[in-house]
């Protein structure tokens, strides 16, 4: 679904993968899409390195989106990239206090934005904004949305979107007949 939204926005897609099974597995899975293994210790270092790698490929701006945002739309991706024409950084707030999207223009990337962030907490967005402000980085934002961090998040998503056959996530869950009610979980 994230790939679909980025493709619909008409932007090049580059995959930063966790390296799981090695280069040949990544090439088989991602096909002809440019991809590279994530590098660094911890989420902040990996995100900073992914931006640096994208800029090394010649991009003047880049947006990172996790794979846990099946309701991402092309408008948010396009808007984030347009905002980077005027701002150093763009954030897509998630409803849990984190963010589902972060973008930089090449001249605005600073590693300090990724340091000392309490990842996977409700304070991620606030601390990231503070770090950007202290580093004199100009910030813009796109619309908030929900990402899926756990089973409850998947249940909320499916309750709202369970009949949408245009979303791969919905088809995946429905095709496998996963039980997502509160009485049982697969």
N, C-alpha and C. Protein backbone atom coordinates (compact mmCIF):
# COMPACT_ATOMS: atom_id res chain seq x y z
N UNK A 1 0.82 -1.20 0.00
CA UNK A 1 0.00 0.00 0.00
C UNK A 1 0.86 1.26 0.00
N UNK A 2 1.97 1.23 0.73
CA UNK A 2 2.88 2.38 0.74
C UNK A 2 3.50 2.55 -0.64
N UNK A 3 3.91 1.46 -1.24
CA UNK A 3 4.47 1.53 -2.60
C UNK A 3 3.44 2.09 -3.57
N UNK A 4 2.20 1.65 -3.47
CA UNK A 4 1.12 2.14 -4.33
C UNK A 4 0.97 3.66 -4.20
N UNK A 5 0.95 4.16 -2.97
CA UNK A 5 0.79 5.59 -2.74
C UNK A 5 1.96 6.38 -3.32
N UNK A 6 3.17 5.89 -3.12
CA UNK A 6 4.35 6.59 -3.65
C UNK A 6 4.36 6.55 -5.17
N UNK A 7 3.99 5.43 -5.75
CA UNK A 7 3.93 5.31 -7.20
C UNK A 7 2.87 6.24 -7.77
N UNK A 8 1.71 6.30 -7.10
CA UNK A 8 0.63 7.18 -7.56
C UNK A 8 1.03 8.64 -7.46
N UNK A 9 1.94 8.96 -6.54
CA UNK A 9 2.43 10.33 -6.41
C UNK A 9 3.43 10.66 -7.52
N UNK A 10 3.85 9.64 -8.27
CA UNK A 10 4.76 9.86 -9.38
C UNK A 10 6.19 10.13 -8.96
N UNK A 11 6.58 9.57 -7.82
CA UNK A 11 7.93 9.79 -7.33
C UNK A 11 8.73 8.49 -7.39
N UNK A 12 10.03 8.59 -7.57
CA UNK A 12 10.85 7.37 -7.54
C UNK A 12 10.80 6.73 -6.14
N UNK A 13 10.81 5.42 -6.12
CA UNK A 13 10.78 4.68 -4.86
C UNK A 13 12.11 3.96 -4.70
N UNK A 14 12.72 4.13 -3.54
CA UNK A 14 13.95 3.44 -3.18
C UNK A 14 13.66 2.72 -1.87
N UNK A 15 14.02 1.46 -1.78
CA UNK A 15 13.73 0.66 -0.60
C UNK A 15 14.98 0.57 0.28
N UNK A 16 14.83 0.94 1.55
CA UNK A 16 15.88 0.71 2.55
C UNK A 16 15.41 -0.48 3.39
N UNK A 17 15.98 -1.64 3.15
CA UNK A 17 15.51 -2.86 3.81
C UNK A 17 16.43 -3.25 4.96
N UNK A 18 15.94 -4.17 5.78
CA UNK A 18 16.71 -4.56 6.96
C UNK A 18 17.79 -5.59 6.66
N UNK A 19 17.93 -5.96 5.41
CA UNK A 19 19.01 -6.88 5.04
C UNK A 19 18.69 -8.33 5.25
N UNK A 20 17.58 -8.62 5.89
CA UNK A 20 17.12 -9.96 6.23
C UNK A 20 17.89 -11.12 5.66
N UNK A 21 17.64 -11.45 4.40
CA UNK A 21 18.24 -12.64 3.83
C UNK A 21 19.40 -12.36 2.90
N UNK A 22 19.87 -11.14 2.86
CA UNK A 22 21.01 -10.84 1.99
C UNK A 22 20.58 -10.20 0.69
N UNK A 23 21.54 -9.78 -0.08
CA UNK A 23 21.30 -9.02 -1.30
C UNK A 23 20.46 -9.72 -2.33
N UNK A 24 20.72 -11.01 -2.58
CA UNK A 24 19.96 -11.69 -3.63
C UNK A 24 18.49 -11.83 -3.25
N UNK A 25 18.19 -12.07 -1.97
CA UNK A 25 16.80 -12.14 -1.53
C UNK A 25 16.11 -10.79 -1.70
N UNK A 26 16.81 -9.72 -1.35
CA UNK A 26 16.23 -8.39 -1.49
C UNK A 26 15.95 -8.09 -2.96
N UNK A 27 16.87 -8.44 -3.83
CA UNK A 27 16.68 -8.19 -5.26
C UNK A 27 15.48 -8.98 -5.77
N UNK A 28 15.33 -10.21 -5.31
CA UNK A 28 14.20 -11.02 -5.74
C UNK A 28 12.89 -10.44 -5.24
N UNK A 29 12.87 -10.00 -3.99
CA UNK A 29 11.65 -9.48 -3.39
C UNK A 29 11.26 -8.12 -3.97
N UNK A 30 12.21 -7.21 -4.11
CA UNK A 30 11.91 -5.86 -4.55
C UNK A 30 11.99 -5.69 -6.07
N UNK A 31 12.41 -6.73 -6.76
CA UNK A 31 12.46 -6.65 -8.22
C UNK A 31 13.47 -5.62 -8.69
N UNK A 32 13.03 -4.79 -9.60
CA UNK A 32 13.93 -3.83 -10.22
C UNK A 32 14.02 -2.51 -9.45
N UNK A 33 13.33 -2.40 -8.33
CA UNK A 33 13.40 -1.18 -7.54
C UNK A 33 14.79 -1.02 -6.94
N UNK A 34 15.31 0.20 -6.95
CA UNK A 34 16.59 0.41 -6.25
C UNK A 34 16.40 0.11 -4.76
N UNK A 35 17.34 -0.58 -4.19
CA UNK A 35 17.25 -0.88 -2.76
C UNK A 35 18.65 -0.95 -2.17
N UNK A 36 18.72 -0.75 -0.88
CA UNK A 36 19.99 -0.89 -0.17
C UNK A 36 19.68 -1.31 1.26
N UNK A 37 20.61 -2.04 1.89
CA UNK A 37 20.38 -2.44 3.27
C UNK A 37 20.50 -1.25 4.22
N UNK A 38 19.68 -1.25 5.24
CA UNK A 38 19.79 -0.22 6.27
C UNK A 38 21.11 -0.43 7.00
N UNK A 39 21.67 0.67 7.49
CA UNK A 39 22.90 0.56 8.26
C UNK A 39 22.81 1.49 9.46
N UNK A 40 23.52 1.13 10.49
CA UNK A 40 23.51 1.93 11.71
C UNK A 40 22.94 1.15 12.87
N UNK A 41 23.20 1.64 14.06
CA UNK A 41 22.69 1.03 15.29
C UNK A 41 21.49 1.82 15.75
N UNK A 42 20.38 1.19 15.83
CA UNK A 42 19.18 1.85 16.30
C UNK A 42 18.43 2.56 15.19
N UNK A 43 17.18 2.84 15.44
CA UNK A 43 16.29 3.43 14.44
C UNK A 43 16.78 4.79 13.96
N UNK A 44 17.19 5.64 14.85
CA UNK A 44 17.65 6.98 14.47
C UNK A 44 18.83 6.95 13.52
N UNK A 45 19.82 6.14 13.83
CA UNK A 45 20.99 6.02 12.95
C UNK A 45 20.61 5.43 11.60
N UNK A 46 19.71 4.45 11.60
CA UNK A 46 19.29 3.84 10.34
C UNK A 46 18.54 4.84 9.46
N UNK A 47 17.68 5.64 10.06
CA UNK A 47 16.95 6.64 9.27
C UNK A 47 17.91 7.70 8.72
N UNK A 48 18.81 8.19 9.55
CA UNK A 48 19.78 9.19 9.10
C UNK A 48 20.61 8.63 7.94
N UNK A 49 21.06 7.39 8.07
CA UNK A 49 21.86 6.77 7.01
C UNK A 49 21.04 6.57 5.74
N UNK A 50 19.75 6.24 5.87
CA UNK A 50 18.91 6.06 4.68
C UNK A 50 18.78 7.37 3.92
N UNK A 51 18.61 8.47 4.63
CA UNK A 51 18.58 9.77 3.96
C UNK A 51 19.91 10.04 3.26
N UNK A 52 21.01 9.82 3.96
CA UNK A 52 22.33 10.06 3.37
C UNK A 52 22.51 9.21 2.12
N UNK A 53 22.08 7.95 2.17
CA UNK A 53 22.20 7.07 1.01
C UNK A 53 21.35 7.57 -0.16
N UNK A 54 20.16 8.05 0.12
CA UNK A 54 19.31 8.61 -0.95
C UNK A 54 19.96 9.85 -1.56
N UNK A 55 20.53 10.69 -0.74
CA UNK A 55 21.19 11.89 -1.26
C UNK A 55 22.43 11.51 -2.06
N UNK A 56 23.12 10.44 -1.65
CA UNK A 56 24.26 9.95 -2.43
C UNK A 56 23.84 9.43 -3.80
N UNK A 57 22.57 9.00 -3.90
CA UNK A 57 22.05 8.55 -5.20
C UNK A 57 21.68 9.73 -6.11
N UNK A 58 21.77 10.95 -5.58
CA UNK A 58 21.51 12.13 -6.39
C UNK A 58 20.20 12.85 -6.12
N UNK A 59 19.42 12.36 -5.17
CA UNK A 59 18.17 13.05 -4.84
C UNK A 59 18.46 14.32 -4.06
N UNK A 60 17.68 15.38 -4.31
CA UNK A 60 17.85 16.63 -3.58
C UNK A 60 16.93 16.70 -2.36
N UNK A 61 15.93 15.84 -2.33
CA UNK A 61 15.06 15.71 -1.17
C UNK A 61 14.56 14.27 -1.13
N UNK A 62 14.15 13.84 0.05
CA UNK A 62 13.69 12.46 0.21
C UNK A 62 12.70 12.40 1.37
N UNK A 63 11.80 11.46 1.27
CA UNK A 63 10.80 11.21 2.31
C UNK A 63 10.90 9.74 2.70
N UNK A 64 10.95 9.46 3.99
CA UNK A 64 10.92 8.09 4.49
C UNK A 64 9.53 7.81 5.04
N UNK A 65 9.00 6.66 4.67
CA UNK A 65 7.72 6.20 5.18
C UNK A 65 7.90 4.75 5.57
N UNK A 66 7.43 4.39 6.73
CA UNK A 66 7.50 3.00 7.16
C UNK A 66 6.51 2.15 6.40
N UNK A 67 6.62 0.86 6.56
CA UNK A 67 5.72 -0.07 5.88
C UNK A 67 4.43 -0.27 6.65
N UNK A 68 4.25 0.45 7.76
CA UNK A 68 3.08 0.25 8.63
C UNK A 68 2.02 1.34 8.46
N UNK A 69 1.92 1.90 7.25
CA UNK A 69 0.96 2.98 6.98
C UNK A 69 0.12 2.62 5.74
N UNK A 70 -0.72 1.60 5.84
CA UNK A 70 -1.46 1.17 4.65
C UNK A 70 -2.45 2.20 4.12
N UNK A 71 -2.83 3.16 4.94
CA UNK A 71 -3.76 4.18 4.48
C UNK A 71 -3.06 5.44 3.97
N UNK A 72 -1.78 5.36 3.72
CA UNK A 72 -1.04 6.47 3.14
C UNK A 72 -1.63 6.79 1.78
N UNK A 73 -1.76 8.09 1.48
CA UNK A 73 -2.28 8.47 0.17
C UNK A 73 -1.23 9.26 -0.60
N UNK A 74 -1.40 9.26 -1.91
CA UNK A 74 -0.45 9.93 -2.80
C UNK A 74 -0.38 11.43 -2.52
N UNK A 75 -1.49 12.03 -2.11
CA UNK A 75 -1.50 13.48 -1.82
C UNK A 75 -0.53 13.84 -0.70
N UNK A 76 -0.48 13.00 0.34
CA UNK A 76 0.42 13.29 1.46
C UNK A 76 1.88 13.20 1.03
N UNK A 77 2.19 12.22 0.19
CA UNK A 77 3.57 12.07 -0.30
C UNK A 77 3.93 13.27 -1.19
N UNK A 78 3.05 13.61 -2.12
CA UNK A 78 3.30 14.75 -3.02
C UNK A 78 3.44 16.05 -2.23
N UNK A 79 2.53 16.24 -1.28
CA UNK A 79 2.59 17.47 -0.47
C UNK A 79 3.88 17.54 0.34
N UNK A 80 4.28 16.42 0.92
CA UNK A 80 5.52 16.41 1.70
C UNK A 80 6.70 16.85 0.84
N UNK A 81 6.78 16.33 -0.37
CA UNK A 81 7.90 16.71 -1.25
C UNK A 81 7.81 18.16 -1.69
N UNK A 82 6.60 18.66 -1.93
CA UNK A 82 6.45 20.09 -2.28
C UNK A 82 6.86 20.99 -1.11
N UNK A 83 6.50 20.58 0.10
CA UNK A 83 6.85 21.38 1.27
C UNK A 83 8.37 21.47 1.44
N UNK A 84 9.08 20.45 0.99
CA UNK A 84 10.54 20.47 1.10
C UNK A 84 11.18 21.48 0.13
N UNK A 85 10.41 22.05 -0.76
CA UNK A 85 10.92 23.15 -1.58
C UNK A 85 11.12 24.40 -0.73
N UNK A 86 10.35 24.49 0.39
CA UNK A 86 10.39 25.70 1.23
C UNK A 86 10.89 25.45 2.65
N UNK A 87 10.93 24.20 3.05
CA UNK A 87 11.34 23.85 4.41
C UNK A 87 12.44 22.82 4.37
N UNK A 88 13.19 22.73 5.49
CA UNK A 88 14.28 21.75 5.59
C UNK A 88 13.77 20.35 5.87
N UNK A 89 12.65 20.28 6.61
CA UNK A 89 12.17 19.00 7.11
C UNK A 89 10.64 18.99 7.07
N UNK A 90 10.07 17.82 6.82
CA UNK A 90 8.62 17.66 6.87
C UNK A 90 8.30 16.43 7.71
N UNK A 91 7.23 16.51 8.48
CA UNK A 91 6.79 15.41 9.32
C UNK A 91 5.33 15.08 9.03
N UNK A 92 5.00 13.82 9.11
CA UNK A 92 3.62 13.35 9.06
C UNK A 92 3.27 12.78 10.42
N UNK A 93 2.56 13.54 11.24
CA UNK A 93 2.27 13.07 12.60
C UNK A 93 1.37 11.85 12.61
N UNK A 94 1.69 10.90 13.46
CA UNK A 94 0.77 9.78 13.68
C UNK A 94 0.00 10.08 14.96
N UNK A 95 -1.14 9.48 15.07
CA UNK A 95 -2.06 9.81 16.17
C UNK A 95 -1.55 9.34 17.54
N UNK A 96 -0.48 8.54 17.54
CA UNK A 96 0.03 8.01 18.81
C UNK A 96 1.21 8.81 19.36
N UNK A 97 1.50 9.97 18.77
CA UNK A 97 2.58 10.81 19.26
C UNK A 97 3.90 10.63 18.52
N UNK A 98 3.91 9.76 17.55
CA UNK A 98 5.10 9.57 16.71
C UNK A 98 4.88 10.21 15.36
N UNK A 99 5.55 9.68 14.35
CA UNK A 99 5.29 10.13 12.99
C UNK A 99 5.38 8.96 12.04
N UNK A 100 4.59 9.05 10.96
CA UNK A 100 4.56 8.00 9.95
C UNK A 100 5.40 8.37 8.74
N UNK A 101 5.79 9.63 8.66
CA UNK A 101 6.55 10.14 7.52
C UNK A 101 7.52 11.19 8.02
N UNK A 102 8.73 11.16 7.50
CA UNK A 102 9.70 12.20 7.76
C UNK A 102 10.47 12.45 6.47
N UNK A 103 10.69 13.70 6.18
CA UNK A 103 11.41 14.04 4.96
C UNK A 103 12.39 15.17 5.19
N UNK A 104 13.42 15.20 4.36
CA UNK A 104 14.43 16.26 4.41
C UNK A 104 14.80 16.67 3.01
N UNK A 105 15.19 17.92 2.88
CA UNK A 105 15.93 18.28 1.69
C UNK A 105 17.40 18.10 2.07
N UNK A 106 18.22 17.88 1.06
CA UNK A 106 19.61 17.52 1.30
C UNK A 106 20.31 18.52 2.22
N UNK A 107 20.11 19.80 1.98
CA UNK A 107 20.80 20.82 2.77
C UNK A 107 20.30 20.90 4.21
N UNK A 108 19.15 20.29 4.52
CA UNK A 108 18.59 20.39 5.86
C UNK A 108 18.86 19.19 6.75
N UNK A 109 19.43 18.13 6.19
CA UNK A 109 19.63 16.91 6.98
C UNK A 109 20.68 17.11 8.06
N UNK A 110 20.26 16.84 9.29
CA UNK A 110 21.17 16.91 10.43
C UNK A 110 20.90 15.71 11.33
N UNK A 111 21.95 15.00 11.70
CA UNK A 111 21.81 13.82 12.54
C UNK A 111 21.27 14.11 13.92
N UNK A 112 21.38 15.35 14.39
CA UNK A 112 20.89 15.69 15.73
C UNK A 112 19.39 15.45 15.88
N UNK A 113 18.66 15.49 14.78
CA UNK A 113 17.22 15.28 14.83
C UNK A 113 16.88 13.85 15.22
N UNK A 114 17.81 12.93 15.04
CA UNK A 114 17.57 11.53 15.33
C UNK A 114 18.21 11.07 16.64
N UNK A 115 18.88 11.97 17.34
CA UNK A 115 19.59 11.59 18.56
C UNK A 115 18.72 11.81 19.79
N UNK A 116 18.85 10.93 20.74
CA UNK A 116 18.15 11.03 22.03
C UNK A 116 16.63 11.10 21.88
N UNK A 117 16.11 10.39 20.92
CA UNK A 117 14.66 10.30 20.73
C UNK A 117 14.18 9.02 21.40
N UNK A 118 13.14 9.11 22.22
CA UNK A 118 12.61 7.90 22.88
C UNK A 118 11.70 7.13 21.91
N UNK A 119 12.30 6.38 21.00
CA UNK A 119 11.56 5.69 19.94
C UNK A 119 10.47 4.81 20.53
N UNK A 120 9.41 4.66 19.78
CA UNK A 120 8.26 3.82 20.15
C UNK A 120 7.55 4.32 21.40
N UNK A 121 7.55 5.62 21.59
CA UNK A 121 6.79 6.24 22.69
C UNK A 121 5.95 7.38 22.13
N UNK A 122 5.07 7.88 22.93
CA UNK A 122 4.22 9.00 22.54
C UNK A 122 4.95 10.33 22.50
N UNK A 123 6.23 10.35 22.84
CA UNK A 123 7.00 11.59 22.87
C UNK A 123 7.87 11.79 21.63
N UNK A 124 7.81 10.87 20.68
CA UNK A 124 8.71 10.94 19.51
C UNK A 124 8.53 12.23 18.73
N UNK A 125 7.30 12.58 18.39
CA UNK A 125 7.06 13.79 17.59
C UNK A 125 7.54 15.04 18.33
N UNK A 126 7.16 15.15 19.58
CA UNK A 126 7.54 16.32 20.37
C UNK A 126 9.06 16.47 20.45
N UNK A 127 9.75 15.39 20.76
CA UNK A 127 11.21 15.44 20.90
C UNK A 127 11.88 15.71 19.55
N UNK A 128 11.33 15.17 18.46
CA UNK A 128 11.90 15.41 17.14
C UNK A 128 11.74 16.89 16.78
N UNK A 129 10.58 17.44 17.04
CA UNK A 129 10.36 18.88 16.77
C UNK A 129 11.32 19.74 17.59
N UNK A 130 11.50 19.39 18.86
CA UNK A 130 12.42 20.14 19.72
C UNK A 130 13.84 20.07 19.18
N UNK A 131 14.27 18.89 18.78
CA UNK A 131 15.62 18.72 18.24
C UNK A 131 15.79 19.54 16.96
N UNK A 132 14.77 19.57 16.12
CA UNK A 132 14.84 20.36 14.89
C UNK A 132 14.92 21.84 15.21
N UNK A 133 14.10 22.29 16.15
CA UNK A 133 14.12 23.71 16.53
C UNK A 133 15.49 24.10 17.07
N UNK A 134 16.07 23.27 17.93
CA UNK A 134 17.38 23.57 18.51
C UNK A 134 18.49 23.56 17.45
N UNK A 135 18.28 22.83 16.37
CA UNK A 135 19.25 22.78 15.27
C UNK A 135 18.93 23.79 14.17
N UNK A 136 17.93 24.67 14.43
CA UNK A 136 17.52 25.72 13.47
C UNK A 136 17.06 25.12 12.13
N UNK A 137 16.36 24.01 12.20
CA UNK A 137 15.81 23.36 11.01
C UNK A 137 14.37 23.80 10.86
N UNK A 138 14.01 24.30 9.69
CA UNK A 138 12.62 24.71 9.45
C UNK A 138 11.77 23.47 9.19
N UNK A 139 10.56 23.47 9.76
CA UNK A 139 9.71 22.28 9.73
C UNK A 139 8.35 22.61 9.09
N UNK A 140 7.82 21.65 8.37
CA UNK A 140 6.45 21.69 7.87
C UNK A 140 5.80 20.35 8.23
N UNK A 141 4.49 20.27 8.08
CA UNK A 141 3.78 19.02 8.40
C UNK A 141 2.71 18.73 7.36
N UNK A 142 2.48 17.45 7.15
CA UNK A 142 1.35 16.99 6.34
C UNK A 142 0.29 16.47 7.30
N UNK A 143 -0.83 16.05 6.77
CA UNK A 143 -1.95 15.66 7.63
C UNK A 143 -1.60 14.47 8.52
N UNK A 144 -2.15 14.46 9.72
CA UNK A 144 -1.94 13.31 10.61
C UNK A 144 -2.69 12.08 10.11
N UNK A 145 -2.20 10.93 10.47
CA UNK A 145 -2.91 9.67 10.19
C UNK A 145 -2.48 8.65 11.24
N UNK A 146 -3.02 7.47 11.12
CA UNK A 146 -2.66 6.38 12.04
C UNK A 146 -1.72 5.42 11.34
N UNK A 147 -0.71 4.98 12.06
CA UNK A 147 0.09 3.86 11.58
C UNK A 147 -0.35 2.63 12.37
N UNK A 148 0.16 1.48 11.99
CA UNK A 148 -0.23 0.24 12.67
C UNK A 148 0.98 -0.28 13.42
N UNK A 149 0.93 -0.15 14.74
CA UNK A 149 2.05 -0.57 15.58
C UNK A 149 1.82 -1.89 16.29
N UNK A 150 0.56 -2.32 16.36
CA UNK A 150 0.25 -3.53 17.12
C UNK A 150 -1.07 -4.11 16.65
N UNK A 151 -1.51 -5.18 17.28
CA UNK A 151 -2.73 -5.86 16.89
C UNK A 151 -3.95 -4.95 17.04
N UNK A 152 -3.99 -4.15 18.10
CA UNK A 152 -5.11 -3.23 18.27
C UNK A 152 -5.17 -2.23 17.12
N UNK A 153 -4.01 -1.77 16.68
CA UNK A 153 -3.97 -0.85 15.54
C UNK A 153 -4.46 -1.50 14.26
N UNK A 154 -4.10 -2.78 14.06
CA UNK A 154 -4.59 -3.51 12.90
C UNK A 154 -6.10 -3.70 12.99
N UNK A 155 -6.60 -3.99 14.18
CA UNK A 155 -8.05 -4.14 14.36
C UNK A 155 -8.77 -2.84 14.01
N UNK A 156 -8.27 -1.70 14.50
CA UNK A 156 -8.89 -0.40 14.17
C UNK A 156 -8.89 -0.17 12.67
N UNK A 157 -7.75 -0.44 12.05
CA UNK A 157 -7.63 -0.24 10.60
C UNK A 157 -8.63 -1.11 9.84
N UNK A 158 -8.72 -2.38 10.21
CA UNK A 158 -9.63 -3.29 9.51
C UNK A 158 -11.09 -2.93 9.77
N UNK A 159 -11.41 -2.47 10.96
CA UNK A 159 -12.79 -2.06 11.24
C UNK A 159 -13.20 -0.92 10.32
N UNK A 160 -12.29 0.00 10.09
CA UNK A 160 -12.59 1.16 9.25
C UNK A 160 -12.48 0.83 7.75
N UNK A 161 -11.55 -0.03 7.38
CA UNK A 161 -11.22 -0.24 5.96
C UNK A 161 -11.45 -1.66 5.46
N UNK A 162 -12.00 -2.55 6.27
CA UNK A 162 -12.09 -3.96 5.96
C UNK A 162 -12.79 -4.35 4.67
N UNK A 163 -13.56 -3.45 4.10
CA UNK A 163 -14.27 -3.76 2.85
C UNK A 163 -13.59 -3.14 1.63
N UNK A 164 -12.47 -2.47 1.84
CA UNK A 164 -11.76 -1.83 0.72
C UNK A 164 -10.87 -2.85 0.03
N UNK A 165 -11.23 -3.23 -1.17
CA UNK A 165 -10.41 -4.21 -1.88
C UNK A 165 -9.28 -3.57 -2.68
N UNK A 166 -9.15 -2.23 -2.57
CA UNK A 166 -8.04 -1.56 -3.26
C UNK A 166 -6.78 -1.52 -2.40
N UNK A 167 -6.85 -1.96 -1.17
CA UNK A 167 -5.69 -1.95 -0.27
C UNK A 167 -5.14 -3.36 -0.10
N UNK A 168 -3.84 -3.50 -0.37
CA UNK A 168 -3.18 -4.81 -0.23
C UNK A 168 -3.29 -5.35 1.19
N UNK A 169 -3.17 -4.48 2.18
CA UNK A 169 -3.23 -4.93 3.58
C UNK A 169 -4.58 -5.57 3.87
N UNK A 170 -5.64 -4.96 3.39
CA UNK A 170 -6.98 -5.50 3.60
C UNK A 170 -7.10 -6.86 2.92
N UNK A 171 -6.67 -6.94 1.67
CA UNK A 171 -6.74 -8.23 0.95
C UNK A 171 -5.92 -9.29 1.66
N UNK A 172 -4.72 -8.93 2.13
CA UNK A 172 -3.85 -9.88 2.81
C UNK A 172 -4.55 -10.45 4.04
N UNK A 173 -5.10 -9.57 4.88
CA UNK A 173 -5.76 -10.03 6.10
C UNK A 173 -7.01 -10.84 5.76
N UNK A 174 -7.83 -10.33 4.84
CA UNK A 174 -9.08 -11.03 4.49
C UNK A 174 -8.82 -12.37 3.81
N UNK A 175 -7.82 -12.43 2.92
CA UNK A 175 -7.52 -13.69 2.22
C UNK A 175 -7.08 -14.79 3.18
N UNK A 176 -6.53 -14.43 4.28
CA UNK A 176 -6.03 -15.42 5.23
C UNK A 176 -7.01 -15.69 6.36
N UNK A 177 -8.15 -15.01 6.31
CA UNK A 177 -9.20 -15.21 7.32
C UNK A 177 -8.68 -15.06 8.74
N UNK A 178 -7.81 -14.08 8.95
CA UNK A 178 -7.32 -13.83 10.30
C UNK A 178 -8.48 -13.40 11.19
N UNK A 179 -8.46 -13.88 12.40
CA UNK A 179 -9.48 -13.50 13.38
C UNK A 179 -8.93 -12.30 14.14
N UNK A 180 -9.60 -11.16 14.00
CA UNK A 180 -9.09 -9.94 14.62
C UNK A 180 -10.03 -9.39 15.68
N UNK A 181 -11.04 -10.14 16.06
CA UNK A 181 -11.92 -9.63 17.10
C UNK A 181 -11.20 -9.75 18.44
N UNK A 182 -11.74 -9.12 19.46
CA UNK A 182 -11.06 -9.09 20.75
C UNK A 182 -11.07 -10.45 21.46
N UNK A 183 -11.94 -11.37 21.04
CA UNK A 183 -11.99 -12.69 21.69
C UNK A 183 -10.86 -13.60 21.25
N UNK A 184 -10.37 -13.40 20.04
CA UNK A 184 -9.31 -14.27 19.57
C UNK A 184 -8.44 -13.54 18.58
N UNK A 185 -7.21 -13.89 18.54
CA UNK A 185 -6.29 -13.23 17.62
C UNK A 185 -5.41 -14.27 16.99
N UNK A 186 -5.25 -14.14 15.69
CA UNK A 186 -4.36 -15.06 14.99
C UNK A 186 -3.00 -14.45 14.85
